[in-house]
Protein backbone atom coordinates (compact mmCIF):
# COMPACT_ATOMS: atom_id res chain seq x y z
CA MET A 1 -27.78 -17.39 49.00
CA PHE A 2 -25.48 -17.25 51.79
CA VAL A 3 -21.79 -16.78 51.48
CA SER A 4 -19.94 -17.40 54.44
CA ASP A 5 -17.37 -14.94 55.72
CA VAL A 6 -14.31 -16.97 54.99
CA GLU A 7 -15.31 -17.25 51.62
CA LYS A 8 -15.72 -13.63 51.17
CA ALA A 9 -12.24 -13.33 52.75
CA ALA A 10 -10.91 -15.89 50.38
CA SER A 11 -12.87 -14.06 47.50
CA MET A 12 -11.25 -10.78 48.40
CA ASN A 13 -7.70 -12.13 48.35
CA LEU A 14 -8.42 -13.38 44.63
CA MET A 15 -9.02 -9.80 43.28
CA PRO A 16 -6.07 -7.59 43.09
CA SER A 17 -6.64 -3.98 43.88
CA ARG A 18 -6.55 -1.31 40.85
CA SER A 19 -2.95 -0.22 42.40
CA ASP A 20 -2.00 -3.87 42.44
CA LEU A 21 -2.90 -4.23 38.66
CA LYS A 22 -0.92 -0.73 37.76
CA ALA A 23 2.16 -1.62 39.46
CA GLU A 24 2.14 -5.11 37.53
CA ALA A 25 1.19 -3.55 34.22
CA ALA A 26 3.95 -1.19 34.17
CA PRO A 27 7.42 -2.48 34.97
CA ALA A 28 10.09 -0.24 35.69
CA ALA A 29 11.89 0.93 32.58
CA LYS A 30 15.47 -0.14 31.90
CA PRO A 31 17.84 3.01 31.83
CA THR A 32 19.10 3.72 28.08
CA ILE A 33 22.50 3.98 27.00
CA ALA A 34 23.70 6.52 24.97
CA MET A 35 25.48 5.60 21.96
CA ILE A 36 27.90 7.91 22.33
CA GLU A 37 29.33 9.76 25.76
CA ILE A 38 31.88 12.44 25.76
CA ASP A 39 32.71 12.95 29.29
CA HIS A 40 34.91 16.01 30.58
CA VAL A 41 37.30 15.37 27.73
CA SER A 42 40.48 17.44 27.16
CA GLN A 43 43.61 17.33 24.71
CA VAL A 44 46.69 18.67 25.02
CA PHE A 45 49.11 18.23 22.15
CA GLN A 46 52.80 19.04 22.35
CA THR A 47 54.07 21.42 19.27
CA SER A 48 57.53 21.52 17.52
CA SER A 49 58.85 23.58 20.07
CA ARG A 50 57.99 21.48 22.77
CA GLN A 51 55.11 23.82 24.37
CA ASP A 52 51.70 22.45 25.69
CA HIS A 53 48.61 23.40 23.32
CA LEU A 54 45.52 23.15 24.92
CA ALA A 55 43.26 21.88 21.65
CA LEU A 56 40.07 20.79 23.37
CA SER A 57 39.17 22.03 27.14
CA ASP A 58 36.56 20.07 29.52
CA ILE A 59 33.84 18.61 26.42
CA SER A 60 31.15 16.82 27.63
CA LEU A 61 28.48 15.27 24.91
CA THR A 62 25.86 12.88 24.64
CA VAL A 63 24.82 11.83 21.28
CA ASP A 64 21.65 9.32 20.83
CA ASP A 65 21.05 6.42 18.98
CA GLY A 66 19.91 7.42 15.60
CA ALA A 67 20.91 11.23 15.96
CA PHE A 68 22.33 13.27 13.38
CA VAL A 69 24.60 15.80 15.41
CA SER A 70 27.20 18.22 13.55
CA ILE A 71 29.93 19.84 15.19
CA LEU A 72 30.63 23.43 13.94
CA GLY A 73 33.09 26.15 15.04
CA PRO A 74 35.92 28.59 13.93
CA SER A 75 38.52 26.93 12.37
CA GLY A 76 41.23 25.37 15.01
CA CYS A 77 39.15 24.99 17.56
CA GLY A 78 39.59 21.11 17.75
CA LYS A 79 36.57 19.40 15.81
CA SER A 80 38.14 17.21 14.13
CA THR A 81 40.26 16.41 17.38
CA LEU A 82 37.34 15.42 18.88
CA LEU A 83 35.97 13.51 16.25
CA TYR A 84 38.75 11.38 15.91
CA ILE A 85 38.55 10.58 19.94
CA VAL A 86 35.44 9.31 19.07
CA GLY A 87 37.04 7.31 16.27
CA GLY A 88 39.60 6.18 18.55
CA PHE A 89 42.61 7.30 16.91
CA VAL A 90 43.50 9.86 19.62
CA ALA A 91 43.75 9.13 23.18
CA PRO A 92 42.02 11.94 25.07
CA THR A 93 44.44 13.66 27.60
CA ARG A 94 41.99 13.76 30.30
CA GLY A 95 38.34 12.66 30.42
CA THR A 96 36.32 9.80 28.65
CA ALA A 97 34.91 8.95 25.62
CA ARG A 98 32.40 5.82 25.41
CA MET A 99 30.32 4.10 22.82
CA LYS A 100 27.43 2.17 23.97
CA GLY A 101 28.57 2.64 27.52
CA ASN A 102 32.18 1.08 27.06
CA PRO A 103 35.46 3.40 27.13
CA ILE A 104 36.73 3.81 23.62
CA THR A 105 40.65 2.04 23.57
CA GLY A 106 40.71 2.28 19.48
CA PRO A 107 39.07 2.54 16.07
CA GLY A 108 36.32 -0.42 15.73
CA PRO A 109 34.01 -1.52 12.81
CA ASP A 110 31.23 0.20 14.70
CA ARG A 111 32.38 3.49 13.81
CA GLY A 112 33.03 3.96 10.28
CA PRO A 113 34.88 7.46 9.51
CA VAL A 114 34.33 9.23 6.20
CA PHE A 115 37.05 12.35 5.89
CA GLN A 116 37.77 15.24 3.21
CA GLU A 117 40.29 13.39 1.82
CA PHE A 118 38.81 10.27 0.14
CA ALA A 119 41.40 7.66 1.10
CA LEU A 120 40.41 5.33 -1.51
CA PHE A 121 42.91 2.33 -2.66
CA PRO A 122 43.88 3.60 -6.37
CA TRP A 123 45.04 -0.13 -7.35
CA LYS A 124 41.50 -1.26 -6.92
CA SER A 125 38.19 -0.42 -8.36
CA VAL A 126 35.20 0.80 -7.39
CA LEU A 127 33.69 -2.37 -6.62
CA GLY A 128 37.02 -3.73 -5.12
CA ASN A 129 37.27 -0.50 -2.56
CA VAL A 130 33.79 -1.21 -1.34
CA MET A 131 33.92 -4.97 -1.26
CA TYR A 132 37.35 -4.57 0.93
CA GLY A 133 35.53 -4.17 4.11
CA PRO A 134 33.19 -7.42 4.07
CA ARG A 135 35.78 -9.27 3.10
CA GLN A 136 38.24 -8.24 5.47
CA GLN A 137 35.59 -9.19 8.18
CA GLY A 138 35.53 -12.63 6.59
CA VAL A 139 32.22 -12.29 4.27
CA LYS A 140 32.29 -14.48 1.45
CA ALA A 141 33.22 -13.22 -2.10
CA ALA A 142 29.89 -13.86 -3.47
CA GLU A 143 28.06 -12.20 -0.49
CA ALA A 144 30.71 -9.35 -0.49
CA GLU A 145 30.05 -8.68 -3.87
CA ALA A 146 26.41 -8.87 -3.80
CA GLN A 147 26.11 -6.22 -0.60
CA SER A 148 28.47 -4.22 -2.30
CA ARG A 149 26.70 -3.72 -5.52
CA ALA A 150 23.62 -3.01 -3.70
CA LEU A 151 25.65 -0.06 -1.81
CA ILE A 152 27.34 0.85 -4.68
CA GLU A 153 23.36 1.37 -6.72
CA MET A 154 22.51 3.48 -3.18
CA VAL A 155 24.93 5.86 -3.57
CA GLY A 156 24.02 6.42 -7.24
CA LEU A 157 27.25 4.65 -8.95
CA LYS A 158 25.66 1.77 -10.88
CA GLY A 159 27.40 1.07 -14.04
CA PHE A 160 30.79 2.55 -12.21
CA GLU A 161 31.63 -0.57 -10.63
CA HIS A 162 34.65 -1.27 -12.62
CA PHE A 163 35.81 2.46 -12.49
CA TYR A 164 39.31 3.33 -10.97
CA PRO A 165 39.66 6.33 -8.50
CA LYS A 166 41.65 8.09 -11.21
CA GLU A 167 38.86 7.92 -13.58
CA LEU A 168 36.12 9.33 -10.80
CA SER A 169 35.29 12.85 -10.18
CA GLY A 170 35.65 14.23 -6.74
CA GLY A 171 31.98 13.55 -5.86
CA MET A 172 32.31 10.57 -7.35
CA LYS A 173 34.85 9.27 -5.11
CA GLN A 174 33.57 10.46 -1.89
CA ARG A 175 30.27 8.33 -2.84
CA VAL A 176 32.39 5.57 -3.52
CA ALA A 177 34.29 6.43 0.46
CA LEU A 178 30.68 6.53 1.56
CA ALA A 179 29.50 3.17 0.38
CA ARG A 180 32.80 1.46 1.43
CA THR A 181 32.32 2.60 5.01
CA LEU A 182 28.60 1.67 5.25
CA ALA A 183 29.84 -1.90 3.94
CA TYR A 184 31.27 -2.43 7.58
CA HIS A 185 27.80 -1.93 8.76
CA PRO A 186 29.24 0.48 11.16
CA ALA A 187 26.67 1.91 14.25
CA VAL A 188 28.35 5.29 13.81
CA LEU A 189 29.16 7.55 10.59
CA LEU A 190 31.78 9.74 11.72
CA MET A 191 32.23 12.21 8.72
CA ASP A 192 35.12 15.29 8.91
CA GLU A 193 33.79 17.60 6.55
CA PRO A 194 33.44 15.32 3.97
CA PHE A 195 32.13 17.43 1.21
CA GLY A 196 34.12 20.26 2.22
CA ALA A 197 36.49 20.18 -1.06
CA LEU A 198 33.74 19.82 -3.38
CA ASP A 199 31.94 22.27 -5.54
CA ALA A 200 28.74 23.81 -4.53
CA HIS A 201 26.24 21.64 -6.81
CA THR A 202 28.17 18.28 -6.06
CA ARG A 203 28.14 19.21 -2.61
CA THR A 204 24.35 19.71 -2.26
CA ARG A 205 23.74 16.66 -4.10
CA LEU A 206 25.97 14.50 -1.89
CA GLN A 207 24.26 16.36 1.30
CA ASN A 208 20.56 15.25 -0.19
CA ASP A 209 21.94 11.93 -0.40
CA LEU A 210 23.64 11.48 2.73
CA LEU A 211 19.76 12.32 4.28
CA ASN A 212 18.16 10.02 1.83
CA ILE A 213 20.86 7.16 3.50
CA TRP A 214 20.06 8.31 6.99
CA GLU A 215 16.29 8.36 6.64
CA ARG A 216 16.84 4.69 5.15
CA ASP A 217 19.07 3.19 8.13
CA ARG A 218 19.28 6.04 10.99
CA LYS A 219 22.94 5.28 11.76
CA THR A 220 23.95 7.60 14.27
CA VAL A 221 25.81 10.60 12.51
CA LEU A 222 28.61 12.44 14.15
CA PHE A 223 29.47 15.41 11.57
CA VAL A 224 32.03 17.64 11.12
CA THR A 225 31.44 20.93 9.09
CA HIS A 226 32.49 24.62 9.12
CA SER A 227 29.25 25.48 6.94
CA VAL A 228 26.45 26.74 9.25
CA GLU A 229 23.86 26.36 6.28
CA GLU A 230 24.93 22.41 6.00
CA ALA A 231 24.75 21.74 9.75
CA VAL A 232 21.15 22.87 9.94
CA PHE A 233 20.00 21.40 7.03
CA LEU A 234 21.68 18.10 8.05
CA SER A 235 21.18 18.12 11.69
CA ASP A 236 18.82 17.14 14.51
CA LYS A 237 21.12 19.01 17.01
CA VAL A 238 24.07 21.57 16.16
CA VAL A 239 27.23 21.85 19.03
CA MET A 240 28.60 24.94 18.56
CA MET A 241 32.11 25.41 19.80
CA SER A 242 34.47 28.29 20.82
CA ARG A 243 37.56 29.29 19.40
CA SER A 244 40.47 27.34 20.34
CA PRO A 245 41.07 25.85 22.90
CA GLY A 246 37.88 24.50 21.89
CA ARG A 247 34.96 24.60 24.25
CA ILE A 248 31.03 23.57 23.99
CA ARG A 249 29.62 27.33 23.77
CA GLN A 250 26.19 25.89 22.98
CA ILE A 251 23.85 23.06 21.84
CA ILE A 252 21.39 24.05 19.60
CA ASP A 253 18.14 21.57 18.91
CA ILE A 254 16.93 21.95 15.04
CA ASP A 255 13.32 21.45 15.47
CA LEU A 256 12.69 21.32 11.47
CA PRO A 257 10.44 18.41 9.96
CA ARG A 258 11.92 15.64 8.00
CA PRO A 259 12.10 14.21 5.53
CA ARG A 260 13.85 17.64 4.69
CA ARG A 261 13.22 19.34 0.99
CA ARG A 262 16.07 21.82 0.55
CA THR A 263 13.58 23.73 -1.81
CA GLU A 264 10.99 23.71 1.05
CA LEU A 265 13.82 25.03 3.74
CA LEU A 266 14.77 28.00 2.11
CA LEU A 267 11.65 29.47 2.28
CA ASP A 268 10.79 28.22 5.82
CA PRO A 269 11.41 31.19 8.48
CA ARG A 270 12.27 28.88 11.02
CA TYR A 271 15.29 27.73 9.00
CA GLN A 272 16.47 31.37 7.94
CA LYS A 273 16.19 31.97 12.08
CA TYR A 274 18.56 29.11 12.82
CA VAL A 275 21.03 30.21 10.04
CA VAL A 276 21.03 33.80 11.16
CA ASP A 277 21.05 33.04 14.77
CA ILE A 278 23.73 30.72 14.17
CA GLU A 279 26.40 32.88 11.92
CA ARG A 280 25.78 35.79 14.62
CA MET A 281 28.00 33.03 17.02
CA PHE A 282 30.57 33.49 14.61
CA ASP A 283 30.76 37.07 14.14
CA ASP A 284 30.35 37.52 17.99
CA ALA A 285 34.06 37.62 18.47
CA GLY A 286 34.00 39.65 21.79
CA ASP A 287 31.61 37.66 23.84
CA ASP A 288 33.82 34.22 25.48
CA GLU A 289 30.88 33.62 27.70
CA LEU A 290 29.85 29.92 27.58
CA GLN A 291 26.59 28.81 27.83
CA PRO A 292 25.63 25.76 29.20
């Protein structure tokens, strides 16, 4: 059959080339925004004698959405100060902290703090403490109660809804504090040595519970601790800080399988190596050289 040159040209124009198809199938990816960005943050406090004390020096750190990041370092290195800056409780002297690209100017429900001190309302029951957040956010009583009961069960306190803080052990109080924070539905959990005051057995149980909750919801967690084993067991990354003034000495990626089982990890040579290597950083008092 005879096809004119005009028809050939028309058909060629209607058929896109392979390169055109690839370009259409692969649109430019949108840039991702980190959950937390700490950009060249320094913090200076004034002592009682009116002397300036440099607590943090030029800290830069990015925390991705859904990551579990622990901040580890010697006492007085500014770990808690850094957490308070992210929480909006302390304004940095220099630099900027951002949440989803927006400067942090104060506390907000998108960041849920869990501190070593339980800070529960002593006049409220377990249920009343957990319901407090949703009720403050305008959630109706019946819905707030249903959500709170589900959280109380999730942290293993079903049956204790009407107990008061004075009737609970330290570990139970910390479970209530965690449930109360989760009731706000924060995007980020800010945890400042939450298990530090607990006995070893309770601490181990709560670490396991926290990982189970994190596996379920994958909230972003910024976790301050002085325990190397705790940091390695829980985290995707460990941020190792220097002695005061606090600087980031090294960031260690923890390449261990999830979900994590303590009995399996204790036998894993990779886990053991992480713990030994990080412990050596604590002992290396003479090495002040910062690593990128």
